[in-house]
PDB file of N, CA and C in Angstrom:
ATOM      1  N   UNK A   1      72.812 -48.545  15.038  1.00  0.00           N
ATOM      2  CA  UNK A   1      72.751 -47.283  15.322  1.00  0.00           C
ATOM      3  C   UNK A   1      71.938 -46.739  16.553  1.00  0.00           C
ATOM      4  N   UNK A   2      72.573 -46.421  17.418  1.00  0.00           N
ATOM      5  CA  UNK A   2      71.548 -45.979  18.894  1.00  0.00           C
ATOM      6  C   UNK A   2      71.013 -44.495  18.813  1.00  0.00           C
ATOM      7  N   UNK A   3      69.824 -44.374  19.135  1.00  0.00           N
ATOM      8  CA  UNK A   3      69.515 -43.132  18.892  1.00  0.00           C
ATOM      9  C   UNK A   3      69.727 -42.066  20.353  1.00  0.00           C
ATOM     10  N   UNK A   4      70.517 -41.275  20.569  1.00  0.00           N
ATOM     11  CA  UNK A   4      70.786 -40.819  21.789  1.00  0.00           C
ATOM     12  C   UNK A   4      69.591 -39.367  21.754  1.00  0.00           C
ATOM     13  N   UNK A   5      69.576 -39.346  23.243  1.00  0.00           N
ATOM     14  CA  UNK A   5      68.939 -37.758  23.433  1.00  0.00           C
ATOM     15  C   UNK A   5      69.987 -36.751  23.357  1.00  0.00           C
ATOM     16  N   UNK A   6      69.344 -35.449  22.448  1.00  0.00           N
ATOM     17  CA  UNK A   6      70.156 -34.415  22.273  1.00  0.00           C
ATOM     18  C   UNK A   6      70.474 -33.558  23.395  1.00  0.00           C
ATOM     19  N   UNK A   7      71.467 -33.181  23.369  1.00  0.00           N
ATOM     20  CA  UNK A   7      71.993 -32.259  24.366  1.00  0.00           C
ATOM     21  C   UNK A   7      71.169 -31.144  24.619  1.00  0.00           C
ATOM     22  N   UNK A   8      71.064 -30.413  25.836  1.00  0.00           N
ATOM     23  CA  UNK A   8      70.409 -29.174  26.390  1.00  0.00           C
ATOM     24  C   UNK A   8      70.658 -28.084  25.305  1.00  0.00           C
ATOM     25  N   UNK A   9      70.278 -27.460  25.013  1.00  0.00           N
ATOM     26  CA  UNK A   9      70.350 -26.157  24.091  1.00  0.00           C
ATOM     27  C   UNK A   9      71.621 -25.202  25.003  1.00  0.00           C
ATOM     28  N   UNK A  10      71.208 -24.905  26.054  1.00  0.00           N
ATOM     29  CA  UNK A  10      72.325 -24.351  27.002  1.00  0.00           C
ATOM     30  C   UNK A  10      72.694 -25.319  27.993  1.00  0.00           C
ATOM     31  N   UNK A  11      74.357 -25.268  28.125  1.00  0.00           N
ATOM     32  CA  UNK A  11      74.952 -26.368  28.712  1.00  0.00           C
ATOM     33  C   UNK A  11      74.289 -26.460  30.405  1.00  0.00           C
ATOM     34  N   UNK A  12      73.764 -27.344  31.041  1.00  0.00           N
ATOM     35  CA  UNK A  12      73.362 -26.988  32.171  1.00  0.00           C
ATOM     36  C   UNK A  12      72.326 -27.010  32.637  1.00  0.00           C
ATOM     37  N   UNK A  13      71.338 -26.537  31.764  1.00  0.00           N
ATOM     38  CA  UNK A  13      70.005 -25.992  31.719  1.00  0.00           C
ATOM     39  C   UNK A  13      68.894 -27.334  31.326  1.00  0.00           C
ATOM     40  N   UNK A  14      68.412 -28.044  31.950  1.00  0.00           N
ATOM     41  CA  UNK A  14      67.886 -29.249  31.678  1.00  0.00           C
ATOM     42  C   UNK A  14      66.158 -28.868  30.833  1.00  0.00           C
ATOM     43  N   UNK A  15      66.118 -30.007  29.720  1.00  0.00           N
ATOM     44  CA  UNK A  15      65.120 -29.411  28.719  1.00  0.00           C
ATOM     45  C   UNK A  15      63.764 -29.530  29.402  1.00  0.00           C
ATOM     46  N   UNK A  16      62.890 -28.796  29.127  1.00  0.00           N
ATOM     47  CA  UNK A  16      61.404 -28.991  29.625  1.00  0.00           C
ATOM     48  C   UNK A  16      60.799 -30.308  29.562  1.00  0.00           C
ATOM     49  N   UNK A  17      59.715 -30.673  30.122  1.00  0.00           N
ATOM     50  CA  UNK A  17      59.375 -31.913  29.612  1.00  0.00           C
ATOM     51  C   UNK A  17      57.837 -31.544  28.882  1.00  0.00           C
ATOM     52  N   UNK A  18      57.398 -32.852  28.228  1.00  0.00           N
ATOM     53  CA  UNK A  18      56.186 -32.735  27.655  1.00  0.00           C
ATOM     54  C   UNK A  18      55.172 -31.775  28.264  1.00  0.00           C
ATOM     55  N   UNK A  19      54.931 -32.283  29.598  1.00  0.00           N
ATOM     56  CA  UNK A  19      53.986 -31.791  30.073  1.00  0.00           C
ATOM     57  C   UNK A  19      53.945 -29.961  30.144  1.00  0.00           C
ATOM     58  N   UNK A  20      55.224 -29.832  30.272  1.00  0.00           N
ATOM     59  CA  UNK A  20      55.583 -28.308  30.539  1.00  0.00           C
ATOM     60  C   UNK A  20      55.214 -27.738  29.186  1.00  0.00           C
ATOM     61  N   UNK A  21      55.759 -28.291  28.386  1.00  0.00           N
ATOM     62  CA  UNK A  21      55.551 -27.472  27.116  1.00  0.00           C
ATOM     63  C   UNK A  21      53.801 -27.714  26.802  1.00  0.00           C
ATOM     64  N   UNK A  22      53.307 -28.616  27.209  1.00  0.00           N
ATOM     65  CA  UNK A  22      51.473 -28.144  27.406  1.00  0.00           C
ATOM     66  C   UNK A  22      50.782 -27.634  27.980  1.00  0.00           C
ATOM     67  N   UNK A  23      51.899 -27.524  29.043  1.00  0.00           N
ATOM     68  CA  UNK A  23      51.323 -26.444  30.025  1.00  0.00           C
ATOM     69  C   UNK A  23      51.232 -25.001  29.256  1.00  0.00           C
ATOM     70  N   UNK A  24      52.431 -24.706  28.764  1.00  0.00           N
ATOM     71  CA  UNK A  24      52.649 -23.438  28.566  1.00  0.00           C
ATOM     72  C   UNK A  24      51.852 -23.188  27.336  1.00  0.00           C
ATOM     73  N   UNK A  25      51.678 -23.752  26.339  1.00  0.00           N
ATOM     74  CA  UNK A  25      50.582 -24.189  25.181  1.00  0.00           C
ATOM     75  C   UNK A  25      49.326 -23.818  25.340  1.00  0.00           C
ATOM     76  N   UNK A  26      49.039 -24.176  26.385  1.00  0.00           N
ATOM     77  CA  UNK A  26      47.785 -23.582  27.299  1.00  0.00           C
ATOM     78  C   UNK A  26      47.268 -22.613  27.946  1.00  0.00           C
ATOM     79  N   UNK A  27      48.600 -21.912  28.193  1.00  0.00           N
ATOM     80  CA  UNK A  27      48.527 -20.484  29.383  1.00  0.00           C
ATOM     81  C   UNK A  27      48.016 -19.500  28.499  1.00  0.00           C
ATOM     82  N   UNK A  28      47.465 -18.462  29.232  1.00  0.00           N
ATOM     83  CA  UNK A  28      46.535 -17.315  28.731  1.00  0.00           C
ATOM     84  C   UNK A  28      47.945 -16.439  27.736  1.00  0.00           C
ATOM     85  N   UNK A  29      49.355 -16.521  28.702  1.00  0.00           N
ATOM     86  CA  UNK A  29      50.229 -15.689  27.950  1.00  0.00           C
ATOM     87  C   UNK A  29      50.615 -16.352  26.700  1.00  0.00           C
ATOM     88  N   UNK A  30      50.839 -17.610  26.492  1.00  0.00           N
ATOM     89  CA  UNK A  30      50.999 -18.010  25.237  1.00  0.00           C
ATOM     90  C   UNK A  30      49.845 -18.005  24.264  1.00  0.00           C
ATOM     91  N   UNK A  31      48.520 -17.713  24.540  1.00  0.00           N
ATOM     92  CA  UNK A  31      47.840 -17.365  23.772  1.00  0.00           C
ATOM     93  C   UNK A  31      47.742 -16.152  23.341  1.00  0.00           C
ATOM     94  N   UNK A  32      47.845 -15.238  24.211  1.00  0.00           N
ATOM     95  CA  UNK A  32      48.428 -13.895  23.970  1.00  0.00           C
ATOM     96  C   UNK A  32      49.307 -13.613  22.765  1.00  0.00           C
ATOM     97  N   UNK A  33      50.080 -14.150  22.883  1.00  0.00           N
ATOM     98  CA  UNK A  33      51.317 -14.356  22.005  1.00  0.00           C
ATOM     99  C   UNK A  33      50.721 -14.885  20.627  1.00  0.00           C
ATOM    100  N   UNK A  34      49.798 -15.505  20.459  1.00  0.00           N
ATOM    101  CA  UNK A  34      49.534 -16.414  19.086  1.00  0.00           C
ATOM    102  C   UNK A  34      48.275 -15.218  18.706  1.00  0.00           C
ATOM    103  N   UNK A  35      47.787 -14.415  19.647  1.00  0.00           N
ATOM    104  CA  UNK A  35      46.902 -13.877  19.117  1.00  0.00           C
ATOM    105  C   UNK A  35      47.182 -12.439  18.400  1.00  0.00           C
ATOM    106  N   UNK A  36      48.256 -12.336  19.135  1.00  0.00           N
ATOM    107  CA  UNK A  36      49.154 -11.006  18.522  1.00  0.00           C
ATOM    108  C   UNK A  36      49.472 -11.005  17.463  1.00  0.00           C
ATOM    109  N   UNK A  37      50.558 -12.612  16.972  1.00  0.00           N
ATOM    110  CA  UNK A  37      50.935 -12.764  15.737  1.00  0.00           C
ATOM    111  C   UNK A  37      49.702 -13.055  14.582  1.00  0.00           C
ATOM    112  N   UNK A  38      48.842 -13.482  15.085  1.00  0.00           N
ATOM    113  CA  UNK A  38      47.525 -13.796  14.262  1.00  0.00           C
ATOM    114  C   UNK A  38      46.851 -12.639  13.819  1.00  0.00           C
ATOM    115  N   UNK A  39      46.609 -11.368  14.882  1.00  0.00           N
ATOM    116  CA  UNK A  39      46.166 -10.399  14.485  1.00  0.00           C
ATOM    117  C   UNK A  39      46.589  -9.246  13.443  1.00  0.00           C
ATOM    118  N   UNK A  40      48.077  -9.586  13.173  1.00  0.00           N
ATOM    119  CA  UNK A  40      48.837  -8.839  12.674  1.00  0.00           C
ATOM    120  C   UNK A  40      48.948  -9.507  11.087  1.00  0.00           C
ATOM    121  N   UNK A  41      49.529 -10.840  11.038  1.00  0.00           N
ATOM    122  CA  UNK A  41      50.025 -11.783  10.107  1.00  0.00           C
ATOM    123  C   UNK A  41      48.572 -11.785   9.203  1.00  0.00           C
ATOM    124  N   UNK A  42      47.327 -12.310   9.822  1.00  0.00           N
ATOM    125  CA  UNK A  42      46.391 -13.046   8.813  1.00  0.00           C
ATOM    126  C   UNK A  42      45.468 -11.833   7.877  1.00  0.00           C
ATOM    127  N   UNK A  43      45.329 -10.690   8.310  1.00  0.00           N
ATOM    128  CA  UNK A  43      44.888  -9.572   7.524  1.00  0.00           C
ATOM    129  C   UNK A  43      45.572  -8.722   6.858  1.00  0.00           C
ATOM    130  N   UNK A  44      47.140  -8.970   6.931  1.00  0.00           N
ATOM    131  CA  UNK A  44      48.046  -8.421   6.228  1.00  0.00           C
ATOM    132  C   UNK A  44      48.195  -9.289   5.228  1.00  0.00           C
ATOM    133  N   UNK A  45      48.086 -10.640   5.243  1.00  0.00           N
ATOM    134  CA  UNK A  45      48.290 -11.614   4.474  1.00  0.00           C
ATOM    135  C   UNK A  45      47.420 -11.491   3.135  1.00  0.00           C
ATOM    136  N   UNK A  46      45.959 -11.690   3.847  1.00  0.00           N
ATOM    137  CA  UNK A  46      44.841 -11.756   3.185  1.00  0.00           C
ATOM    138  C   UNK A  46      44.821 -10.197   2.114  1.00  0.00           C
ATOM    139  N   UNK A  47      45.496  -9.304   2.630  1.00  0.00           N
ATOM    140  CA  UNK A  47      45.268  -8.393   2.282  1.00  0.00           C
ATOM    141  C   UNK A  47      46.392  -7.756   0.771  1.00  0.00           C
ATOM    142  N   UNK A  48      47.404  -8.832   1.337  1.00  0.00           N
ATOM    143  CA  UNK A  48      48.436  -8.700   0.193  1.00  0.00           C
ATOM    144  C   UNK A  48      48.129  -9.717  -0.692  1.00  0.00           C
ATOM    145  N   UNK A  49      47.414 -11.041  -0.628  1.00  0.00           N
ATOM    146  CA  UNK A  49      46.743 -11.838  -1.755  1.00  0.00           C
ATOM    147  C   UNK A  49      46.230 -11.057  -2.604  1.00  0.00           C
ATOM    148  N   UNK A  50      45.071 -10.214  -1.799  1.00  0.00           N
ATOM    149  CA  UNK A  50      44.023  -9.849  -2.623  1.00  0.00           C
ATOM    150  C   UNK A  50      44.573  -8.427  -3.869  1.00  0.00           C
ATOM    151  N   UNK A  51      45.850  -7.950  -3.368  1.00  0.00           N
ATOM    152  CA  UNK A  51      46.436  -6.787  -4.075  1.00  0.00           C
ATOM    153  C   UNK A  51      47.048  -7.876  -5.217  1.00  0.00           C
ATOM    154  N   UNK A  52      47.760  -8.768  -5.014  1.00  0.00           N
ATOM    155  CA  UNK A  52      48.186  -9.723  -5.898  1.00  0.00           C
ATOM    156  C   UNK A  52      47.177 -10.427  -7.103  1.00  0.00           C
ATOM    157  N   UNK A  53      46.338 -10.578  -6.363  1.00  0.00           N
ATOM    158  CA  UNK A  53      45.340 -11.021  -7.399  1.00  0.00           C
ATOM    159  C   UNK A  53      44.883 -10.103  -8.173  1.00  0.00           C
ATOM    160  N   UNK A  54      44.427  -8.810  -7.459  1.00  0.00           N
ATOM    161  CA  UNK A  54      44.380  -7.722  -8.287  1.00  0.00           C
ATOM    162  C   UNK A  54      44.730  -7.935  -9.509  1.00  0.00           C
ATOM    163  N   UNK A  55      46.446  -7.715  -9.091  1.00  0.00           N
ATOM    164  CA  UNK A  55      47.374  -6.920 -10.462  1.00  0.00           C
ATOM    165  C   UNK A  55      47.092  -8.492 -11.452  1.00  0.00           C
ATOM    166  N   UNK A  56      47.101  -9.192 -10.885  1.00  0.00           N
ATOM    167  CA  UNK A  56      46.946 -10.718 -12.010  1.00  0.00           C
ATOM    168  C   UNK A  56      45.488 -10.552 -12.947  1.00  0.00           C
ATOM    169  N   UNK A  57      44.594 -10.092 -12.193  1.00  0.00           N
ATOM    170  CA  UNK A  57      43.503  -9.769 -13.320  1.00  0.00           C
ATOM    171  C   UNK A  57      43.457  -8.834 -14.059  1.00  0.00           C
ATOM    172  N   UNK A  58      43.984  -7.759 -13.144  1.00  0.00           N
ATOM    173  CA  UNK A  58      43.820  -6.533 -14.130  1.00  0.00           C
ATOM    174  C   UNK A  58      45.035  -6.874 -15.338  1.00  0.00           C
ATOM    175  N   UNK A  59      45.924  -7.490 -15.169  1.00  0.00           N
ATOM    176  CA  UNK A  59      46.913  -7.863 -16.460  1.00  0.00           C
ATOM    177  C   UNK A  59      46.183  -8.492 -17.383  1.00  0.00           C
ATOM    178  N   UNK A  60      45.351  -9.572 -17.125  1.00  0.00           N
ATOM    179  CA  UNK A  60      44.797 -10.376 -17.929  1.00  0.00           C
ATOM    180  C   UNK A  60      43.519  -9.911 -18.780  1.00  0.00           C
ATOM    181  N   UNK A  61      42.967  -9.225 -17.873  1.00  0.00           N
ATOM    182  CA  UNK A  61      41.232  -8.573 -18.262  1.00  0.00           C
ATOM    183  C   UNK A  61      41.557  -7.065 -18.282  1.00  0.00           C
ATOM    184  N   UNK A  62      42.386  -6.332 -18.315  1.00  0.00           N
ATOM    185  CA  UNK A  62      42.198  -4.675 -18.694  1.00  0.00           C
ATOM    186  C   UNK A  62      43.206  -4.598 -19.068  1.00  0.00           C
ATOM    187  N   UNK A  63      43.743  -4.871 -20.130  1.00  0.00           N
ATOM    188  CA  UNK A  63      44.800  -4.641 -21.115  1.00  0.00           C
ATOM    189  C   UNK A  63      44.885  -3.189 -21.683  1.00  0.00           C
ATOM    190  N   UNK A  64      43.744  -2.455 -21.663  1.00  0.00           N
ATOM    191  CA  UNK A  64      44.197  -0.800 -22.163  1.00  0.00           C
ATOM    192  C   UNK A  64      44.259  -0.420 -21.010  1.00  0.00           C
ATOM    193  N   UNK A  65      43.514  -0.044 -19.598  1.00  0.00           N
ATOM    194  CA  UNK A  65      44.356   0.356 -18.545  1.00  0.00           C
ATOM    195  C   UNK A  65      45.654   0.185 -18.187  1.00  0.00           C
ATOM    196  N   UNK A  66      46.362  -1.143 -18.314  1.00  0.00           N
ATOM    197  CA  UNK A  66      47.650  -1.464 -17.576  1.00  0.00           C
ATOM    198  C   UNK A  66      48.398  -1.232 -18.963  1.00  0.00           C
ATOM    199  N   UNK A  67      48.016  -0.823 -20.045  1.00  0.00           N
ATOM    200  CA  UNK A  67      48.785  -0.148 -20.851  1.00  0.00           C
ATOM    201  C   UNK A  67      48.998   1.389 -21.374  1.00  0.00           C
ATOM    202  N   UNK A  68      48.341   1.535 -20.167  1.00  0.00           N
ATOM    203  CA  UNK A  68      48.078   3.315 -20.162  1.00  0.00           C
ATOM    204  C   UNK A  68      49.170   3.992 -19.993  1.00  0.00           C
ATOM    205  N   UNK A  69      50.209   4.708 -20.599  1.00  0.00           N
ATOM    206  CA  UNK A  69      51.517   5.140 -20.514  1.00  0.00           C
ATOM    207  C   UNK A  69      51.216   6.382 -19.687  1.00  0.00           C
ATOM    208  N   UNK A  70      52.184   5.846 -18.389  1.00  0.00           N
ATOM    209  CA  UNK A  70      52.475   7.144 -17.283  1.00  0.00           C
ATOM    210  C   UNK A  70      53.615   7.850 -17.405  1.00  0.00           C
ATOM    211  N   UNK A  71      54.852   7.742 -17.715  1.00  0.00           N
ATOM    212  CA  UNK A  71      55.703   8.635 -18.324  1.00  0.00           C
ATOM    213  C   UNK A  71      56.664   7.902 -19.047  1.00  0.00           C
ATOM    214  N   UNK A  72      56.961   8.595 -20.850  1.00  0.00           N
ATOM    215  CA  UNK A  72      57.639   8.203 -21.794  1.00  0.00           C
ATOM    216  C   UNK A  72      57.283   6.190 -21.991  1.00  0.00           C
ATOM    217  N   UNK A  73      57.615   5.309 -21.708  1.00  0.00           N
ATOM    218  CA  UNK A  73      57.702   3.849 -22.070  1.00  0.00           C
ATOM    219  C   UNK A  73      57.087   3.157 -20.877  1.00  0.00           C
ATOM    220  N   UNK A  74      56.961   3.954 -19.398  1.00  0.00           N
ATOM    221  CA  UNK A  74      56.699   3.357 -18.459  1.00  0.00           C
ATOM    222  C   UNK A  74      55.149   3.390 -18.526  1.00  0.00           C
ATOM    223  N   UNK A  75      54.563   2.293 -18.057  1.00  0.00           N
ATOM    224  CA  UNK A  75      53.241   2.036 -18.230  1.00  0.00           C
ATOM    225  C   UNK A  75      52.485   1.580 -17.072  1.00  0.00           C
ATOM    226  N   UNK A  76      51.180   1.374 -16.648  1.00  0.00           N
ATOM    227  CA  UNK A  76      50.558   1.528 -15.656  1.00  0.00           C
ATOM    228  C   UNK A  76      51.001   0.074 -14.842  1.00  0.00           C
ATOM    229  N   UNK A  77      51.290  -0.938 -15.715  1.00  0.00           N
ATOM    230  CA  UNK A  77      51.502  -2.628 -15.756  1.00  0.00           C
ATOM    231  C   UNK A  77      52.781  -2.478 -14.612  1.00  0.00           C
ATOM    232  N   UNK A  78      53.830  -1.802 -15.331  1.00  0.00           N
ATOM    233  CA  UNK A  78      54.999  -1.454 -14.965  1.00  0.00           C
ATOM    234  C   UNK A  78      54.977  -1.191 -13.232  1.00  0.00           C
ATOM    235  N   UNK A  79      54.415  -0.284 -13.419  1.00  0.00           N
ATOM    236  CA  UNK A  79      54.478   0.825 -12.237  1.00  0.00           C
ATOM    237  C   UNK A  79      53.472  -0.183 -10.924  1.00  0.00           C
ATOM    238  N   UNK A  80      52.504  -0.913 -11.438  1.00  0.00           N
ATOM    239  CA  UNK A  80      52.022  -1.675 -10.440  1.00  0.00           C
ATOM    240  C   UNK A  80      52.966  -3.108  -9.928  1.00  0.00           C
ATOM    241  N   UNK A  81      53.574  -3.302 -11.504  1.00  0.00           N
ATOM    242  CA  UNK A  81      54.797  -4.653 -11.078  1.00  0.00           C
ATOM    243  C   UNK A  81      55.768  -4.172 -10.235  1.00  0.00           C
ATOM    244  N   UNK A  82      56.242  -3.382 -10.169  1.00  0.00           N
ATOM    245  CA  UNK A  82      57.226  -2.483  -9.032  1.00  0.00           C
ATOM    246  C   UNK A  82      56.798  -2.227  -7.854  1.00  0.00           C
ATOM    247  N   UNK A  83      55.357  -2.042  -7.658  1.00  0.00           N
ATOM    248  CA  UNK A  83      54.779  -1.334  -6.208  1.00  0.00           C
ATOM    249  C   UNK A  83      54.515  -3.142  -5.736  1.00  0.00           C
ATOM    250  N   UNK A  84      54.474  -4.265  -6.402  1.00  0.00           N
ATOM    251  CA  UNK A  84      54.396  -5.218  -5.903  1.00  0.00           C
ATOM    252  C   UNK A  84      55.398  -5.855  -4.876  1.00  0.00           C
ATOM    253  N   UNK A  85      56.810  -5.804  -5.750  1.00  0.00           N
ATOM    254  CA  UNK A  85      57.889  -5.428  -4.788  1.00  0.00           C
ATOM    255  C   UNK A  85      58.334  -4.836  -3.667  1.00  0.00           C
ATOM    256  N   UNK A  86      57.923  -3.503  -4.033  1.00  0.00           N
ATOM    257  CA  UNK A  86      57.845  -2.328  -2.933  1.00  0.00           C
ATOM    258  C   UNK A  86      56.876  -2.866  -1.708  1.00  0.00           C
ATOM    259  N   UNK A  87      55.723  -3.199  -2.065  1.00  0.00           N
ATOM    260  CA  UNK A  87      54.831  -3.845  -0.975  1.00  0.00           C
ATOM    261  C   UNK A  87      55.318  -5.121  -0.309  1.00  0.00           C
ATOM    262  N   UNK A  88      55.935  -5.965  -0.921  1.00  0.00           N
ATOM    263  CA  UNK A  88      56.706  -7.086   0.002  1.00  0.00           C
ATOM    264  C   UNK A  88      57.868  -6.946   0.614  1.00  0.00           C
ATOM    265  N   UNK A  89      58.075  -5.794   0.475  1.00  0.00           N
ATOM    266  CA  UNK A  89      59.566  -5.248   1.496  1.00  0.00           C
ATOM    267  C   UNK A  89      59.223  -4.181   2.550  1.00  0.00           C
ATOM    268  N   UNK A  90      57.725  -3.439   1.907  1.00  0.00           N
ATOM    269  CA  UNK A  90      57.408  -2.522   3.276  1.00  0.00           C
ATOM    270  C   UNK A  90      56.670  -3.393   4.293  1.00  0.00           C
ATOM    271  N   UNK A  91      55.844  -4.661   3.790  1.00  0.00           N
ATOM    272  CA  UNK A  91      55.343  -5.735   4.812  1.00  0.00           C
ATOM    273  C   UNK A  91      56.326  -6.421   5.563  1.00  0.00           C
ATOM    274  N   UNK A  92      57.482  -7.042   4.699  1.00  0.00           N
ATOM    275  CA  UNK A  92      58.322  -7.532   5.472  1.00  0.00           C
ATOM    276  C   UNK A  92      59.080  -6.593   7.109  1.00  0.00           C
ATOM    277  N   UNK A  93      59.343  -5.215   6.402  1.00  0.00           N
ATOM    278  CA  UNK A  93      59.709  -4.466   7.390  1.00  0.00           C
ATOM    279  C   UNK A  93      58.973  -4.015   8.454  1.00  0.00           C
ATOM    280  N   UNK A  94      57.414  -3.797   8.054  1.00  0.00           N
ATOM    281  CA  UNK A  94      56.356  -3.782   9.120  1.00  0.00           C
ATOM    282  C   UNK A  94      56.223  -4.900  10.272  1.00  0.00           C
ATOM    283  N   UNK A  95      56.492  -6.045   9.679  1.00  0.00           N
ATOM    284  CA  UNK A  95      56.664  -7.258  10.285  1.00  0.00           C
ATOM    285  C   UNK A  95      57.719  -7.182  11.370  1.00  0.00           C
ATOM    286  N   UNK A  96      58.675  -7.165  10.766  1.00  0.00           N
ATOM    287  CA  UNK A  96      59.840  -7.087  11.718  1.00  0.00           C
ATOM    288  C   UNK A  96      60.027  -6.311  12.866  1.00  0.00           C
ATOM    289  N   UNK A  97      59.224  -4.790  12.710  1.00  0.00           N
ATOM    290  CA  UNK A  97      59.101  -4.091  13.769  1.00  0.00           C
ATOM    291  C   UNK A  97      58.010  -4.344  14.801  1.00  0.00           C
ATOM    292  N   UNK A  98      56.802  -5.066  13.983  1.00  0.00           N
ATOM    293  CA  UNK A  98      55.687  -5.625  15.077  1.00  0.00           C
ATOM    294  C   UNK A  98      56.512  -6.803  15.745  1.00  0.00           C
ATOM    295  N   UNK A  99      56.903  -7.479  14.908  1.00  0.00           N
ATOM    296  CA  UNK A  99      57.608  -8.822  15.972  1.00  0.00           C
ATOM    297  C   UNK A  99      58.857  -8.160  17.114  1.00  0.00           C
ATOM    298  N   UNK A 100      59.190  -7.112  17.058  1.00  0.00           N
ATOM    299  CA  UNK A 100      60.268  -6.714  17.942  1.00  0.00           C
ATOM    300  C   UNK A 100      59.613  -6.215  19.040  1.00  0.00           C
ATOM    301  N   UNK A 101      58.406  -5.249  18.657  1.00  0.00           N
ATOM    302  CA  UNK A 101      57.883  -4.485  19.895  1.00  0.00           C
ATOM    303  C   UNK A 101      57.014  -5.338  20.512  1.00  0.00           C
ATOM    304  N   UNK A 102      56.190  -6.344  19.547  1.00  0.00           N
ATOM    305  CA  UNK A 102      55.085  -6.898  20.282  1.00  0.00           C
ATOM    306  C   UNK A 102      55.306  -8.690  20.670  1.00  0.00           C
ATOM    307  N   UNK A 103      55.904  -9.124  19.549  1.00  0.00           N
ATOM    308  CA  UNK A 103      56.474 -10.283  19.871  1.00  0.00           C
ATOM    309  C   UNK A 103      57.214 -11.256  20.726  1.00  0.00           C
ATOM    310  N   UNK A 104      58.391 -10.611  19.999  1.00  0.00           N
ATOM    311  CA  UNK A 104      60.190 -11.096  20.732  1.00  0.00           C
ATOM    312  C   UNK A 104      59.443 -11.008  22.408  1.00  0.00           C
ATOM    313  N   UNK A 105      59.142  -9.291  23.074  1.00  0.00           N
ATOM    314  CA  UNK A 105      59.179  -9.591  24.070  1.00  0.00           C
ATOM    315  C   UNK A 105      58.475 -10.856  24.748  1.00  0.00           C
ATOM    316  N   UNK A 106      57.207 -10.904  24.642  1.00  0.00           N
ATOM    317  CA  UNK A 106      56.507 -11.926  25.048  1.00  0.00           C
ATOM    318  C   UNK A 106      56.899 -13.532  24.994  1.00  0.00           C
ATOM    319  N   UNK A 107      57.757 -13.812  23.744  1.00  0.00           N
ATOM    320  CA  UNK A 107      58.417 -14.836  23.917  1.00  0.00           C
ATOM    321  C   UNK A 107      59.561 -14.920  24.465  1.00  0.00           C
ATOM    322  N   UNK A 108      59.967 -14.331  24.613  1.00  0.00           N
ATOM    323  CA  UNK A 108      61.278 -14.239  25.322  1.00  0.00           C
ATOM    324  C   UNK A 108      60.924 -14.523  26.875  1.00  0.00           C
ATOM    325  N   UNK A 109      59.949 -13.588  27.323  1.00  0.00           N
ATOM    326  CA  UNK A 109      59.533 -14.286  28.698  1.00  0.00           C
ATOM    327  C   UNK A 109      58.951 -15.751  28.917  1.00  0.00           C
ATOM    328  N   UNK A 110      58.374 -16.211  27.961  1.00  0.00           N
ATOM    329  CA  UNK A 110      58.025 -17.510  27.850  1.00  0.00           C
ATOM    330  C   UNK A 110      59.263 -18.483  28.209  1.00  0.00           C
ATOM    331  N   UNK A 111      60.007 -18.140  26.870  1.00  0.00           N
ATOM    332  CA  UNK A 111      61.382 -19.054  26.821  1.00  0.00           C
ATOM    333  C   UNK A 111      61.989 -19.032  28.193  1.00  0.00           C
ATOM    334  N   UNK A 112      62.335 -17.965  28.673  1.00  0.00           N
ATOM    335  CA  UNK A 112      62.902 -17.902  30.153  1.00  0.00           C
ATOM    336  C   UNK A 112      62.214 -18.673  30.765  1.00  0.00           C
ATOM    337  N   UNK A 113      61.154 -18.404  31.073  1.00  0.00           N
ATOM    338  CA  UNK A 113      60.593 -18.925  32.320  1.00  0.00           C
ATOM    339  C   UNK A 113      60.548 -20.624  32.095  1.00  0.00           C
ATOM    340  N   UNK A 114      60.454 -21.023  31.248  1.00  0.00           N
ATOM    341  CA  UNK A 114      60.432 -22.569  30.600  1.00  0.00           C
ATOM    342  C   UNK A 114      61.875 -23.004  30.788  1.00  0.00           C
ATOM    343  N   UNK A 115      62.949 -21.856  30.495  1.00  0.00           N
ATOM    344  CA  UNK A 115      64.522 -22.845  30.250  1.00  0.00           C
ATOM    345  C   UNK A 115      64.591 -22.510  32.148  1.00  0.00           C
ATOM    346  N   UNK A 116      64.041 -21.531  32.629  1.00  0.00           N
ATOM    347  CA  UNK A 116      64.424 -21.879  34.605  1.00  0.00           C
ATOM    348  C   UNK A 116      63.542 -22.616  35.034  1.00  0.00           C
ATOM    349  N   UNK A 117      62.287 -23.386  34.767  1.00  0.00           N
ATOM    350  CA  UNK A 117      61.535 -24.398  34.863  1.00  0.00           C
ATOM    351  C   UNK A 117      62.675 -25.320  35.356  1.00  0.00           C
ATOM    352  N   UNK A 118      62.230 -26.076  36.260  1.00  0.00           N
ATOM    353  CA  UNK A 118      62.999 -27.553  36.490  1.00  0.00           C
ATOM    354  C   UNK A 118      61.977 -28.535  36.932  1.00  0.00           C
TER     355      UNK A 118
END
């Protein structure tokens, strides 16, 4: 079975070379893109993991607090458990806004420059 080079993503546009990819990866513009992503994603990920672990620890070691009724049969554990889902969706929404405003324009500029390079 012969292996063939895959066709370019866009017909008529040559694929960048390995050296071009390396050059872009080492550029200040790419570094800013990575920094913008990391400065948002890492702290938010750590905060969410801490929030999740707090919920798990409270569920294991604070039975009295988690069993406290809020309204009717709804207790603190249920409210915090549902808040886990809410925060997951809020973080996804927030990241999508951040990516659209800060990451996508930078990535698009790098991509268009790479595709335009010969």
